[in-house]
């Protein structure tokens, strides 16, 4: 009769799990991890856009240099053609 109401002190308890997945994280810790992931993704996006901009500038400078070379050749040809008129 009294045995049914007694606490069972001999019950086996499982050893405490020490893996990271069993830990409860606070809201602040989750927010901090989210912020770090946001910074990482944002930084990667900015780096991608910066590299894309550099490539675009390189393409524009190649085009500009080709145009400058063409204008220079035209100027040389014009100068040779009009050499005696100055």
PDB file of N, CA and C in Angstrom:
ATOM      1  N   UNK A   1       0.808  -1.186   0.000  1.00  0.00           N
ATOM      2  CA  UNK A   1       0.000   0.000   0.000  1.00  0.00           C
ATOM      3  C   UNK A   1       0.853   1.253   0.000  1.00  0.00           C
ATOM      4  N   UNK A   2       1.766   1.318   0.905  1.00  0.00           N
ATOM      5  CA  UNK A   2       2.644   2.469   0.971  1.00  0.00           C
ATOM      6  C   UNK A   2       3.684   2.463  -0.122  1.00  0.00           C
ATOM      7  N   UNK A   3       3.872   1.285  -0.739  1.00  0.00           N
ATOM      8  CA  UNK A   3       4.891   1.193  -1.791  1.00  0.00           C
ATOM      9  C   UNK A   3       4.482   1.947  -3.059  1.00  0.00           C
ATOM     10  N   UNK A   4       3.235   2.040  -3.294  1.00  0.00           N
ATOM     11  CA  UNK A   4       2.771   2.699  -4.520  1.00  0.00           C
ATOM     12  C   UNK A   4       3.000   4.193  -4.451  1.00  0.00           C
ATOM     13  N   UNK A   5       3.008   4.761  -3.280  1.00  0.00           N
ATOM     14  CA  UNK A   5       3.172   6.203  -3.179  1.00  0.00           C
ATOM     15  C   UNK A   5       4.628   6.621  -2.966  1.00  0.00           C
ATOM     16  N   UNK A   6       5.524   5.696  -2.830  1.00  0.00           N
ATOM     17  CA  UNK A   6       6.935   6.032  -2.599  1.00  0.00           C
ATOM     18  C   UNK A   6       7.598   6.476  -3.904  1.00  0.00           C
ATOM     19  N   UNK A   7       8.539   7.382  -3.757  1.00  0.00           N
ATOM     20  CA  UNK A   7       9.324   7.791  -4.915  1.00  0.00           C
ATOM     21  C   UNK A   7      10.301   6.693  -5.277  1.00  0.00           C
ATOM     22  N   UNK A   8      10.514   6.509  -6.553  1.00  0.00           N
ATOM     23  CA  UNK A   8      11.444   5.485  -7.012  1.00  0.00           C
ATOM     24  C   UNK A   8      12.818   6.131  -7.180  1.00  0.00           C
ATOM     25  N   UNK A   9      13.630   6.043  -6.169  1.00  0.00           N
ATOM     26  CA  UNK A   9      14.956   6.655  -6.206  1.00  0.00           C
ATOM     27  C   UNK A   9      15.965   5.805  -6.946  1.00  0.00           C
ATOM     28  N   UNK A  10      15.635   4.578  -7.245  1.00  0.00           N
ATOM     29  CA  UNK A  10      16.558   3.674  -7.909  1.00  0.00           C
ATOM     30  C   UNK A  10      16.383   3.673  -9.426  1.00  0.00           C
ATOM     31  N   UNK A  11      15.562   4.570  -9.959  1.00  0.00           N
ATOM     32  CA  UNK A  11      15.327   4.591 -11.414  1.00  0.00           C
ATOM     33  C   UNK A  11      16.603   4.996 -12.120  1.00  0.00           C
ATOM     34  N   UNK A  12      16.862   4.356 -13.236  1.00  0.00           N
ATOM     35  CA  UNK A  12      18.071   4.664 -13.993  1.00  0.00           C
ATOM     36  C   UNK A  12      17.880   5.963 -14.767  1.00  0.00           C
ATOM     37  N   UNK A  13      18.857   6.811 -14.700  1.00  0.00           N
ATOM     38  CA  UNK A  13      18.834   8.039 -15.491  1.00  0.00           C
ATOM     39  C   UNK A  13      19.864   7.911 -16.590  1.00  0.00           C
ATOM     40  N   UNK A  14      19.507   8.406 -17.751  1.00  0.00           N
ATOM     41  CA  UNK A  14      20.459   8.320 -18.875  1.00  0.00           C
ATOM     42  C   UNK A  14      21.573   9.327 -18.645  1.00  0.00           C
ATOM     43  N   UNK A  15      22.766   9.010 -19.113  1.00  0.00           N
ATOM     44  CA  UNK A  15      23.867   9.973 -18.958  1.00  0.00           C
ATOM     45  C   UNK A  15      23.563  11.241 -19.746  1.00  0.00           C
ATOM     46  N   UNK A  16      24.051  12.327 -19.246  1.00  0.00           N
ATOM     47  CA  UNK A  16      23.762  13.614 -19.880  1.00  0.00           C
ATOM     48  C   UNK A  16      24.417  13.668 -21.268  1.00  0.00           C
ATOM     49  N   UNK A  17      23.632  14.045 -22.247  1.00  0.00           N
ATOM     50  CA  UNK A  17      24.119  14.143 -23.622  1.00  0.00           C
ATOM     51  C   UNK A  17      24.955  15.417 -23.740  1.00  0.00           C
ATOM     52  N   UNK A  18      26.141  15.300 -24.291  1.00  0.00           N
ATOM     53  CA  UNK A  18      27.037  16.459 -24.372  1.00  0.00           C
ATOM     54  C   UNK A  18      27.169  16.988 -25.793  1.00  0.00           C
ATOM     55  N   UNK A  19      26.339  16.547 -26.717  1.00  0.00           N
ATOM     56  CA  UNK A  19      26.440  17.059 -28.084  1.00  0.00           C
ATOM     57  C   UNK A  19      25.851  18.453 -28.152  1.00  0.00           C
ATOM     58  N   UNK A  20      26.239  19.190 -29.160  1.00  0.00           N
ATOM     59  CA  UNK A  20      25.784  20.580 -29.324  1.00  0.00           C
ATOM     60  C   UNK A  20      24.292  20.644 -29.640  1.00  0.00           C
ATOM     61  N   UNK A  21      23.754  19.589 -30.216  1.00  0.00           N
ATOM     62  CA  UNK A  21      22.359  19.611 -30.634  1.00  0.00           C
ATOM     63  C   UNK A  21      21.400  19.508 -29.463  1.00  0.00           C
ATOM     64  N   UNK A  22      21.868  19.050 -28.321  1.00  0.00           N
ATOM     65  CA  UNK A  22      20.969  18.918 -27.187  1.00  0.00           C
ATOM     66  C   UNK A  22      20.873  20.218 -26.391  1.00  0.00           C
ATOM     67  N   UNK A  23      21.723  21.188 -26.700  1.00  0.00           N
ATOM     68  CA  UNK A  23      21.719  22.448 -25.957  1.00  0.00           C
ATOM     69  C   UNK A  23      20.588  23.343 -26.439  1.00  0.00           C
ATOM     70  N   UNK A  24      19.985  24.011 -25.510  1.00  0.00           N
ATOM     71  CA  UNK A  24      18.934  24.969 -25.845  1.00  0.00           C
ATOM     72  C   UNK A  24      19.595  26.329 -26.021  1.00  0.00           C
ATOM     73  N   UNK A  25      19.371  26.945 -27.167  1.00  0.00           N
ATOM     74  CA  UNK A  25      19.956  28.247 -27.441  1.00  0.00           C
ATOM     75  C   UNK A  25      18.962  29.341 -27.099  1.00  0.00           C
ATOM     76  N   UNK A  26      19.490  30.444 -26.602  1.00  0.00           N
ATOM     77  CA  UNK A  26      18.616  31.570 -26.268  1.00  0.00           C
ATOM     78  C   UNK A  26      18.284  32.345 -27.532  1.00  0.00           C
ATOM     79  N   UNK A  27      17.307  33.215 -27.431  1.00  0.00           N
ATOM     80  CA  UNK A  27      16.899  34.035 -28.568  1.00  0.00           C
ATOM     81  C   UNK A  27      18.040  34.944 -29.019  1.00  0.00           C
ATOM     82  N   UNK A  28      18.783  35.481 -28.070  1.00  0.00           N
ATOM     83  CA  UNK A  28      19.907  36.355 -28.395  1.00  0.00           C
ATOM     84  C   UNK A  28      20.997  35.624 -29.162  1.00  0.00           C
ATOM     85  N   UNK A  29      21.275  34.383 -28.774  1.00  0.00           N
ATOM     86  CA  UNK A  29      22.277  33.597 -29.481  1.00  0.00           C
ATOM     87  C   UNK A  29      21.816  33.281 -30.903  1.00  0.00           C
ATOM     88  N   UNK A  30      20.555  32.926 -31.052  1.00  0.00           N
ATOM     89  CA  UNK A  30      20.017  32.647 -32.390  1.00  0.00           C
ATOM     90  C   UNK A  30      20.051  33.900 -33.259  1.00  0.00           C
ATOM     91  N   UNK A  31      19.727  35.039 -32.663  1.00  0.00           N
ATOM     92  CA  UNK A  31      19.764  36.308 -33.391  1.00  0.00           C
ATOM     93  C   UNK A  31      21.194  36.639 -33.816  1.00  0.00           C
ATOM     94  N   UNK A  32      22.152  36.389 -32.949  1.00  0.00           N
ATOM     95  CA  UNK A  32      23.560  36.642 -33.259  1.00  0.00           C
ATOM     96  C   UNK A  32      24.036  35.749 -34.406  1.00  0.00           C
ATOM     97  N   UNK A  33      23.669  34.472 -34.379  1.00  0.00           N
ATOM     98  CA  UNK A  33      24.041  33.553 -35.456  1.00  0.00           C
ATOM     99  C   UNK A  33      23.383  33.979 -36.761  1.00  0.00           C
ATOM    100  N   UNK A  34      22.123  34.374 -36.705  1.00  0.00           N
ATOM    101  CA  UNK A  34      21.441  34.872 -37.899  1.00  0.00           C
ATOM    102  C   UNK A  34      22.147  36.105 -38.449  1.00  0.00           C
ATOM    103  N   UNK A  35      22.565  37.006 -37.559  1.00  0.00           N
ATOM    104  CA  UNK A  35      23.273  38.211 -37.969  1.00  0.00           C
ATOM    105  C   UNK A  35      24.604  37.861 -38.644  1.00  0.00           C
ATOM    106  N   UNK A  36      25.327  36.899 -38.092  1.00  0.00           N
ATOM    107  CA  UNK A  36      26.587  36.474 -38.700  1.00  0.00           C
ATOM    108  C   UNK A  36      26.369  35.875 -40.086  1.00  0.00           C
ATOM    109  N   UNK A  37      25.330  35.050 -40.219  1.00  0.00           N
ATOM    110  CA  UNK A  37      25.015  34.463 -41.527  1.00  0.00           C
ATOM    111  C   UNK A  37      24.622  35.565 -42.504  1.00  0.00           C
ATOM    112  N   UNK A  38      23.844  36.541 -42.031  1.00  0.00           N
ATOM    113  CA  UNK A  38      23.447  37.675 -42.863  1.00  0.00           C
ATOM    114  C   UNK A  38      24.673  38.451 -43.342  1.00  0.00           C
ATOM    115  N   UNK A  39      25.626  38.690 -42.448  1.00  0.00           N
ATOM    116  CA  UNK A  39      26.852  39.395 -42.828  1.00  0.00           C
ATOM    117  C   UNK A  39      27.666  38.589 -43.831  1.00  0.00           C
ATOM    118  N   UNK A  40      27.736  37.289 -43.638  1.00  0.00           N
ATOM    119  CA  UNK A  40      28.489  36.430 -44.546  1.00  0.00           C
ATOM    120  C   UNK A  40      27.876  36.442 -45.937  1.00  0.00           C
ATOM    121  N   UNK A  41      26.563  36.254 -46.014  1.00  0.00           N
ATOM    122  CA  UNK A  41      25.877  36.261 -47.314  1.00  0.00           C
ATOM    123  C   UNK A  41      25.941  37.649 -47.944  1.00  0.00           C
ATOM    124  N   UNK A  42      25.726  38.678 -47.149  1.00  0.00           N
ATOM    125  CA  UNK A  42      25.812  40.049 -47.667  1.00  0.00           C
ATOM    126  C   UNK A  42      27.205  40.378 -48.164  1.00  0.00           C
ATOM    127  N   UNK A  43      28.219  39.964 -47.431  1.00  0.00           N
ATOM    128  CA  UNK A  43      29.597  40.196 -47.862  1.00  0.00           C
ATOM    129  C   UNK A  43      29.923  39.467 -49.144  1.00  0.00           C
ATOM    130  N   UNK A  44      29.421  38.252 -49.284  1.00  0.00           N
ATOM    131  CA  UNK A  44      29.647  37.496 -50.517  1.00  0.00           C
ATOM    132  C   UNK A  44      28.956  38.179 -51.697  1.00  0.00           C
ATOM    133  N   UNK A  45      27.750  38.703 -51.458  1.00  0.00           N
ATOM    134  CA  UNK A  45      27.027  39.398 -52.528  1.00  0.00           C
ATOM    135  C   UNK A  45      27.760  40.674 -52.939  1.00  0.00           C
ATOM    136  N   UNK A  46      28.246  41.431 -51.963  1.00  0.00           N
ATOM    137  CA  UNK A  46      28.992  42.665 -52.271  1.00  0.00           C
ATOM    138  C   UNK A  46      30.264  42.332 -53.029  1.00  0.00           C
ATOM    139  N   UNK A  47      30.963  41.290 -52.637  1.00  0.00           N
ATOM    140  CA  UNK A  47      32.185  40.888 -53.342  1.00  0.00           C
ATOM    141  C   UNK A  47      31.864  40.474 -54.777  1.00  0.00           C
ATOM    142  N   UNK A  48      30.765  39.745 -54.962  1.00  0.00           N
ATOM    143  CA  UNK A  48      30.359  39.331 -56.309  1.00  0.00           C
ATOM    144  C   UNK A  48      30.062  40.556 -57.174  1.00  0.00           C
ATOM    145  N   UNK A  49      29.317  41.514 -56.617  1.00  0.00           N
ATOM    146  CA  UNK A  49      28.987  42.727 -57.370  1.00  0.00           C
ATOM    147  C   UNK A  49      30.239  43.550 -57.666  1.00  0.00           C
ATOM    148  N   UNK A  50      31.174  43.612 -56.741  1.00  0.00           N
ATOM    149  CA  UNK A  50      32.411  44.356 -56.938  1.00  0.00           C
ATOM    150  C   UNK A  50      33.242  43.729 -58.059  1.00  0.00           C
ATOM    151  N   UNK A  51      33.336  42.406 -58.066  1.00  0.00           N
ATOM    152  CA  UNK A  51      34.077  41.713 -59.134  1.00  0.00           C
ATOM    153  C   UNK A  51      33.382  41.930 -60.470  1.00  0.00           C
ATOM    154  N   UNK A  52      32.054  41.874 -60.483  1.00  0.00           N
ATOM    155  CA  UNK A  52      31.299  42.117 -61.710  1.00  0.00           C
ATOM    156  C   UNK A  52      31.548  43.540 -62.215  1.00  0.00           C
ATOM    157  N   UNK A  53      31.582  44.508 -61.309  1.00  0.00           N
ATOM    158  CA  UNK A  53      31.849  45.897 -61.684  1.00  0.00           C
ATOM    159  C   UNK A  53      33.253  46.042 -62.257  1.00  0.00           C
ATOM    160  N   UNK A  54      34.232  45.393 -61.634  1.00  0.00           N
ATOM    161  CA  UNK A  54      35.601  45.455 -62.150  1.00  0.00           C
ATOM    162  C   UNK A  54      35.703  44.853 -63.550  1.00  0.00           C
ATOM    163  N   UNK A  55      34.999  43.750 -63.766  1.00  0.00           N
ATOM    164  CA  UNK A  55      35.002  43.135 -65.100  1.00  0.00           C
ATOM    165  C   UNK A  55      34.344  44.052 -66.122  1.00  0.00           C
ATOM    166  N   UNK A  56      33.259  44.717 -65.740  1.00  0.00           N
ATOM    167  CA  UNK A  56      32.584  45.650 -66.637  1.00  0.00           C
ATOM    168  C   UNK A  56      33.493  46.837 -66.960  1.00  0.00           C
ATOM    169  N   UNK A  57      34.185  47.354 -65.962  1.00  0.00           N
ATOM    170  CA  UNK A  57      35.126  48.446 -66.203  1.00  0.00           C
ATOM    171  C   UNK A  57      36.260  48.002 -67.114  1.00  0.00           C
ATOM    172  N   UNK A  58      36.714  46.777 -66.950  1.00  0.00           N
ATOM    173  CA  UNK A  58      37.770  46.248 -67.809  1.00  0.00           C
ATOM    174  C   UNK A  58      37.289  46.155 -69.253  1.00  0.00           C
ATOM    175  N   UNK A  59      36.054  45.679 -69.445  1.00  0.00           N
ATOM    176  CA  UNK A  59      35.497  45.606 -70.799  1.00  0.00           C
ATOM    177  C   UNK A  59      35.356  46.998 -71.406  1.00  0.00           C
ATOM    178  N   UNK A  60      34.897  47.956 -70.594  1.00  0.00           N
ATOM    179  CA  UNK A  60      34.746  49.331 -71.086  1.00  0.00           C
ATOM    180  C   UNK A  60      36.094  49.947 -71.416  1.00  0.00           C
ATOM    181  N   UNK A  61      37.099  49.686 -70.588  1.00  0.00           N
ATOM    182  CA  UNK A  61      38.410  50.273 -70.849  1.00  0.00           C
ATOM    183  C   UNK A  61      39.029  49.670 -72.107  1.00  0.00           C
ATOM    184  N   UNK A  62      38.792  48.371 -72.341  1.00  0.00           N
ATOM    185  CA  UNK A  62      39.299  47.762 -73.580  1.00  0.00           C
ATOM    186  C   UNK A  62      38.640  48.406 -74.797  1.00  0.00           C
ATOM    187  N   UNK A  63      37.329  48.629 -74.701  1.00  0.00           N
ATOM    188  CA  UNK A  63      36.604  49.266 -75.804  1.00  0.00           C
ATOM    189  C   UNK A  63      37.096  50.698 -76.001  1.00  0.00           C
ATOM    190  N   UNK A  64      37.279  51.407 -74.892  1.00  0.00           N
ATOM    191  CA  UNK A  64      37.755  52.793 -74.966  1.00  0.00           C
ATOM    192  C   UNK A  64      39.162  52.845 -75.547  1.00  0.00           C
ATOM    193  N   UNK A  65      40.017  51.937 -75.121  1.00  0.00           N
ATOM    194  CA  UNK A  65      41.383  51.922 -75.651  1.00  0.00           C
ATOM    195  C   UNK A  65      41.379  51.610 -77.145  1.00  0.00           C
ATOM    196  N   UNK A  66      40.496  50.742 -77.582  1.00  0.00           N
ATOM    197  CA  UNK A  66      40.390  50.446 -79.015  1.00  0.00           C
ATOM    198  C   UNK A  66      39.924  51.691 -79.772  1.00  0.00           C
ATOM    199  N   UNK A  67      38.976  52.420 -79.196  1.00  0.00           N
ATOM    200  CA  UNK A  67      38.506  53.647 -79.846  1.00  0.00           C
ATOM    201  C   UNK A  67      39.598  54.715 -79.871  1.00  0.00           C
ATOM    202  N   UNK A  68      40.353  54.827 -78.783  1.00  0.00           N
ATOM    203  CA  UNK A  68      41.451  55.794 -78.741  1.00  0.00           C
ATOM    204  C   UNK A  68      42.509  55.430 -79.777  1.00  0.00           C
ATOM    205  N   UNK A  69      42.823  54.149 -79.889  1.00  0.00           N
ATOM    206  CA  UNK A  69      43.812  53.706 -80.882  1.00  0.00           C
ATOM    207  C   UNK A  69      43.316  54.025 -82.299  1.00  0.00           C
ATOM    208  N   UNK A  70      42.038  53.768 -82.543  1.00  0.00           N
ATOM    209  CA  UNK A  70      41.475  54.056 -83.865  1.00  0.00           C
ATOM    210  C   UNK A  70      41.514  55.556 -84.159  1.00  0.00           C
ATOM    211  N   UNK A  71      41.156  56.375 -83.183  1.00  0.00           N
ATOM    212  CA  UNK A  71      41.217  57.831 -83.364  1.00  0.00           C
ATOM    213  C   UNK A  71      42.658  58.301 -83.569  1.00  0.00           C
ATOM    214  N   UNK A  72      43.579  57.679 -82.876  1.00  0.00           N
ATOM    215  CA  UNK A  72      44.983  58.041 -83.043  1.00  0.00           C
ATOM    216  C   UNK A  72      45.469  57.701 -84.449  1.00  0.00           C
ATOM    217  N   UNK A  73      45.067  56.549 -84.937  1.00  0.00           N
ATOM    218  CA  UNK A  73      45.446  56.164 -86.303  1.00  0.00           C
ATOM    219  C   UNK A  73      44.838  57.127 -87.316  1.00  0.00           C
ATOM    220  N   UNK A  74      43.589  57.529 -87.088  1.00  0.00           N
ATOM    221  CA  UNK A  74      42.945  58.517 -87.972  1.00  0.00           C
ATOM    222  C   UNK A  74      43.679  59.846 -87.927  1.00  0.00           C
ATOM    223  N   UNK A  75      44.112  60.249 -86.746  1.00  0.00           N
ATOM    224  CA  UNK A  75      44.840  61.504 -86.602  1.00  0.00           C
ATOM    225  C   UNK A  75      46.182  61.444 -87.333  1.00  0.00           C
ATOM    226  N   UNK A  76      46.870  60.316 -87.205  1.00  0.00           N
ATOM    227  CA  UNK A  76      48.145  60.146 -87.917  1.00  0.00           C
ATOM    228  C   UNK A  76      47.920  60.195 -89.416  1.00  0.00           C
ATOM    229  N   UNK A  77      46.897  59.506 -89.900  1.00  0.00           N
ATOM    230  CA  UNK A  77      46.602  59.508 -91.335  1.00  0.00           C
ATOM    231  C   UNK A  77      46.236  60.904 -91.811  1.00  0.00           C
ATOM    232  N   UNK A  78      45.464  61.624 -91.028  1.00  0.00           N
ATOM    233  CA  UNK A  78      45.066  62.988 -91.379  1.00  0.00           C
ATOM    234  C   UNK A  78      46.287  63.903 -91.399  1.00  0.00           C
ATOM    235  N   UNK A  79      47.173  63.718 -90.429  1.00  0.00           N
ATOM    236  CA  UNK A  79      48.373  64.542 -90.357  1.00  0.00           C
ATOM    237  C   UNK A  79      49.284  64.276 -91.559  1.00  0.00           C
ATOM    238  N   UNK A  80      49.430  63.007 -91.942  1.00  0.00           N
ATOM    239  CA  UNK A  80      50.249  62.662 -93.111  1.00  0.00           C
ATOM    240  C   UNK A  80      49.627  63.232 -94.382  1.00  0.00           C
ATOM    241  N   UNK A  81      48.315  63.202 -94.457  1.00  0.00           N
ATOM    242  CA  UNK A  81      47.616  63.684 -95.649  1.00  0.00           C
ATOM    243  C   UNK A  81      47.736  65.201 -95.780  1.00  0.00           C
ATOM    244  N   UNK A  82      47.675  65.886 -94.637  1.00  0.00           N
ATOM    245  CA  UNK A  82      47.700  67.354 -94.650  1.00  0.00           C
ATOM    246  C   UNK A  82      49.066  67.916 -94.265  1.00  0.00           C
ATOM    247  N   UNK A  83      50.112  67.154 -94.431  1.00  0.00           N
ATOM    248  CA  UNK A  83      51.426  67.545 -93.937  1.00  0.00           C
ATOM    249  C   UNK A  83      51.906  68.857 -94.570  1.00  0.00           C
ATOM    250  N   UNK A  84      51.698  69.028 -95.820  1.00  0.00           N
ATOM    251  CA  UNK A  84      52.219  70.207 -96.479  1.00  0.00           C
ATOM    252  C   UNK A  84      51.324  71.421 -96.385  1.00  0.00           C
ATOM    253  N   UNK A  85      50.142  71.308 -95.799  1.00  0.00           N
ATOM    254  CA  UNK A  85      49.210  72.438 -95.798  1.00  0.00           C
ATOM    255  C   UNK A  85      49.362  73.340 -94.589  1.00  0.00           C
ATOM    256  N   UNK A  86      50.110  72.922 -93.593  1.00  0.00           N
ATOM    257  CA  UNK A  86      50.229  73.766 -92.385  1.00  0.00           C
ATOM    258  C   UNK A  86      51.322  74.777 -92.546  1.00  0.00           C
TER     259      UNK A  86
END
